[in-house]
Amino acid sequence: MERILFTPMVRESFGQPPQPIDIPLTRLDTSTAETFKKQCLDCLGGQSKVVGINLSAVDFMDSRGLGALVSCSKQVQALGGQVFLVAPQPQILVLLETVALHRFIPIYLKREHFEQNLDPDRF
């Protein structure tokens, strides 16, 4: 099964005249959850894949962001795939542990471990 590392992005405009540029998502919350879910589904292309969600740039997440992670995981699993969370920042890891999301979506603390297909970290 194909393994992909999915980095959620947000489109911003910079410069004069404004030029659109995609930058990694830093907030997974009410304002970005729907975009995140759409991007997650788009990266699947309707196929079964092992998806690592790269959270290395995310420094804020609320309940809507947590819900988006669960929703994405369920949709990937419905296609026969699997989801992992990859390289969350310390404050995000605390949140994930507090709500016990790591029991349902395994976590890799380091991107390299996901890329090398090692076992996820244990908590």
C-alpha atoms as a PDB file:
ATOM      1  CA  MET A   1       0.000   0.000   0.000  1.00  0.00           C
ATOM      2  CA  GLU A   2       1.322   3.428  -0.913  1.00  0.00           C
ATOM      3  CA  ARG A   3       2.590   5.597   1.974  1.00  0.00           C
ATOM      4  CA  ILE A   4       2.233   9.351   1.707  1.00  0.00           C
ATOM      5  CA  LEU A   5       3.137  12.199   4.031  1.00  0.00           C
ATOM      6  CA  PHE A   6       0.359  14.778   3.878  1.00  0.00           C
ATOM      7  CA  THR A   7       1.217  18.320   4.981  1.00  0.00           C
ATOM      8  CA  PRO A   8      -1.909  20.468   5.370  1.00  0.00           C
ATOM      9  CA  MET A   9      -1.505  23.809   3.613  1.00  0.00           C
ATOM     10  CA  VAL A  10      -3.177  27.192   3.569  1.00  0.00           C
ATOM     11  CA  ARG A  11      -3.111  29.630   0.654  1.00  0.00           C
ATOM     12  CA  GLU A  12      -1.946  33.164   1.472  1.00  0.00           C
ATOM     13  CA  SER A  13      -1.273  36.170  -0.736  1.00  0.00           C
ATOM     14  CA  PHE A  14       1.923  38.184  -0.445  1.00  0.00           C
ATOM     15  CA  GLY A  15       3.573  41.062  -2.278  1.00  0.00           C
ATOM     16  CA  GLN A  16       2.425  43.699  -4.688  1.00  0.00           C
ATOM     17  CA  PRO A  17       0.692  42.640  -6.842  1.00  0.00           C
ATOM     18  CA  PRO A  18      -0.481  39.873  -4.509  1.00  0.00           C
ATOM     19  CA  GLN A  19       0.925  36.466  -5.377  1.00  0.00           C
ATOM     20  CA  PRO A  20      -0.748  33.371  -3.917  1.00  0.00           C
ATOM     21  CA  ILE A  21       1.540  30.976  -2.091  1.00  0.00           C
ATOM     22  CA  ASP A  22       0.816  27.767  -0.178  1.00  0.00           C
ATOM     23  CA  ILE A  23       2.313  27.592   3.302  1.00  0.00           C
ATOM     24  CA  PRO A  24       2.030  24.859   5.953  1.00  0.00           C
ATOM     25  CA  LEU A  25      -1.021  25.131   8.186  1.00  0.00           C
ATOM     26  CA  THR A  26      -0.160  26.423  11.671  1.00  0.00           C
ATOM     27  CA  ARG A  27      -3.670  26.287  13.155  1.00  0.00           C
ATOM     28  CA  LEU A  28      -6.080  23.388  12.927  1.00  0.00           C
ATOM     29  CA  ASP A  29      -9.244  24.960  14.245  1.00  0.00           C
ATOM     30  CA  THR A  30     -12.732  26.131  13.338  1.00  0.00           C
ATOM     31  CA  SER A  31     -11.410  28.374  10.563  1.00  0.00           C
ATOM     32  CA  THR A  32      -9.292  25.680   8.852  1.00  0.00           C
ATOM     33  CA  ALA A  33     -10.943  22.313   9.643  1.00  0.00           C
ATOM     34  CA  GLU A  34     -13.042  22.079   6.470  1.00  0.00           C
ATOM     35  CA  THR A  35     -10.086  22.958   4.228  1.00  0.00           C
ATOM     36  CA  PHE A  36      -7.998  20.362   6.041  1.00  0.00           C
ATOM     37  CA  LYS A  37     -10.603  17.623   5.545  1.00  0.00           C
ATOM     38  CA  LYS A  38     -10.927  18.442   1.838  1.00  0.00           C
ATOM     39  CA  GLN A  39      -7.154  18.372   1.342  1.00  0.00           C
ATOM     40  CA  CYS A  40      -6.924  15.066   3.191  1.00  0.00           C
ATOM     41  CA  LEU A  41      -9.548  13.484   0.940  1.00  0.00           C
ATOM     42  CA  ASP A  42      -7.970  14.969  -2.188  1.00  0.00           C
ATOM     43  CA  CYS A  43      -4.592  13.415  -1.348  1.00  0.00           C
ATOM     44  CA  LEU A  44      -6.215   9.960  -1.343  1.00  0.00           C
ATOM     45  CA  GLY A  45      -7.574  10.136  -4.860  1.00  0.00           C
ATOM     46  CA  GLY A  46     -10.198   7.565  -3.838  1.00  0.00           C
ATOM     47  CA  GLN A  47      -7.514   4.936  -3.214  1.00  0.00           C
ATOM     48  CA  SER A  48      -6.408   3.018  -0.150  1.00  0.00           C
ATOM     49  CA  LYS A  49      -3.230   4.582   1.263  1.00  0.00           C
ATOM     50  CA  VAL A  50      -1.193   4.838   4.423  1.00  0.00           C
ATOM     51  CA  VAL A  51      -1.368   8.535   5.274  1.00  0.00           C
ATOM     52  CA  GLY A  52       0.953  10.325   7.653  1.00  0.00           C
ATOM     53  CA  ILE A  53      -0.516  13.690   8.631  1.00  0.00           C
ATOM     54  CA  ASN A  54       2.431  16.019   9.142  1.00  0.00           C
ATOM     55  CA  LEU A  55       1.607  18.189  12.160  1.00  0.00           C
ATOM     56  CA  SER A  56       5.082  19.698  12.553  1.00  0.00           C
ATOM     57  CA  ALA A  57       3.933  23.236  11.701  1.00  0.00           C
ATOM     58  CA  VAL A  58       0.670  23.110  13.678  1.00  0.00           C
ATOM     59  CA  ASP A  59       1.015  25.074  16.915  1.00  0.00           C
ATOM     60  CA  PHE A  60      -2.686  25.456  17.788  1.00  0.00           C
ATOM     61  CA  MET A  61      -5.565  22.992  17.652  1.00  0.00           C
ATOM     62  CA  ASP A  62      -9.092  23.205  19.048  1.00  0.00           C
ATOM     63  CA  SER A  63     -11.945  20.703  19.286  1.00  0.00           C
ATOM     64  CA  ARG A  64     -12.895  21.291  15.657  1.00  0.00           C
ATOM     65  CA  GLY A  65      -9.337  20.450  14.633  1.00  0.00           C
ATOM     66  CA  LEU A  66      -9.454  17.247  16.674  1.00  0.00           C
ATOM     67  CA  GLY A  67     -12.739  16.394  14.986  1.00  0.00           C
ATOM     68  CA  ALA A  68     -11.171  16.992  11.575  1.00  0.00           C
ATOM     69  CA  LEU A  69      -8.384  14.513  12.408  1.00  0.00           C
ATOM     70  CA  VAL A  70     -10.939  11.884  13.449  1.00  0.00           C
ATOM     71  CA  SER A  71     -13.060  12.527  10.356  1.00  0.00           C
ATOM     72  CA  CYS A  72     -10.062  12.210   8.051  1.00  0.00           C
ATOM     73  CA  SER A  73      -8.996   9.000   9.795  1.00  0.00           C
ATOM     74  CA  LYS A  74     -12.453   7.462   9.403  1.00  0.00           C
ATOM     75  CA  GLN A  75     -12.576   8.329   5.702  1.00  0.00           C
ATOM     76  CA  VAL A  76      -9.124   6.860   5.077  1.00  0.00           C
ATOM     77  CA  GLN A  77     -10.078   3.698   6.987  1.00  0.00           C
ATOM     78  CA  ALA A  78     -13.308   3.409   4.974  1.00  0.00           C
ATOM     79  CA  LEU A  79     -11.105   3.113   1.874  1.00  0.00           C
ATOM     80  CA  GLY A  80      -9.017   0.407   3.560  1.00  0.00           C
ATOM     81  CA  GLY A  81      -6.149   2.742   4.447  1.00  0.00           C
ATOM     82  CA  GLN A  82      -4.536   3.816   7.686  1.00  0.00           C
ATOM     83  CA  VAL A  83      -3.715   7.194   9.261  1.00  0.00           C
ATOM     84  CA  PHE A  84      -0.811   8.231  11.473  1.00  0.00           C
ATOM     85  CA  LEU A  85      -0.060  11.578  13.065  1.00  0.00           C
ATOM     86  CA  VAL A  86       3.499  12.684  12.406  1.00  0.00           C
ATOM     87  CA  ALA A  87       5.828  15.038  14.299  1.00  0.00           C
ATOM     88  CA  PRO A  88       3.361  16.976  16.441  1.00  0.00           C
ATOM     89  CA  GLN A  89       4.761  19.936  18.354  1.00  0.00           C
ATOM     90  CA  PRO A  90       4.956  19.422  22.154  1.00  0.00           C
ATOM     91  CA  GLN A  91       1.823  21.432  22.982  1.00  0.00           C
ATOM     92  CA  ILE A  92      -0.166  19.529  20.335  1.00  0.00           C
ATOM     93  CA  LEU A  93       1.148  16.206  21.633  1.00  0.00           C
ATOM     94  CA  VAL A  94      -0.085  17.109  25.130  1.00  0.00           C
ATOM     95  CA  LEU A  95      -3.541  17.812  23.694  1.00  0.00           C
ATOM     96  CA  LEU A  96      -3.571  14.539  21.721  1.00  0.00           C
ATOM     97  CA  GLU A  97      -2.588  12.599  24.840  1.00  0.00           C
ATOM     98  CA  THR A  98      -5.128  14.436  27.012  1.00  0.00           C
ATOM     99  CA  VAL A  99      -8.014  13.411  24.751  1.00  0.00           C
ATOM    100  CA  ALA A 100      -6.431   9.955  24.223  1.00  0.00           C
ATOM    101  CA  LEU A 101      -6.470  10.336  20.439  1.00  0.00           C
ATOM    102  CA  HIS A 102      -3.220   8.373  20.303  1.00  0.00           C
ATOM    103  CA  ARG A 103      -5.271   5.269  21.180  1.00  0.00           C
ATOM    104  CA  PHE A 104      -7.133   5.549  17.869  1.00  0.00           C
ATOM    105  CA  ILE A 105      -4.613   7.267  15.595  1.00  0.00           C
ATOM    106  CA  PRO A 106      -1.006   6.153  16.163  1.00  0.00           C
ATOM    107  CA  ILE A 107       1.636   8.876  16.474  1.00  0.00           C
ATOM    108  CA  TYR A 108       5.176   9.126  15.154  1.00  0.00           C
ATOM    109  CA  LEU A 109       7.177  11.706  17.083  1.00  0.00           C
ATOM    110  CA  LYS A 110       9.699  11.961  14.229  1.00  0.00           C
ATOM    111  CA  ARG A 111       8.979  12.305  10.529  1.00  0.00           C
ATOM    112  CA  GLU A 112      11.921  10.056   9.688  1.00  0.00           C
ATOM    113  CA  HIS A 113      10.391   7.167  11.613  1.00  0.00           C
ATOM    114  CA  PHE A 114       7.208   7.358   9.524  1.00  0.00           C
ATOM    115  CA  GLU A 115       9.214   7.610   6.308  1.00  0.00           C
ATOM    116  CA  GLN A 116      11.309   4.577   7.323  1.00  0.00           C
ATOM    117  CA  ASN A 117       8.147   2.586   8.133  1.00  0.00           C
ATOM    118  CA  LEU A 118       9.203   2.003  11.748  1.00  0.00           C
ATOM    119  CA  ASP A 119       6.689   1.231  14.498  1.00  0.00           C
ATOM    120  CA  PRO A 120       4.791   4.244  15.860  1.00  0.00           C
ATOM    121  CA  ASP A 121       5.782   5.629  19.251  1.00  0.00           C
ATOM    122  CA  ARG A 122       4.078   4.249  22.363  1.00  0.00           C
ATOM    123  CA  PHE A 123       2.467   6.376  25.051  1.00  0.00           C
END
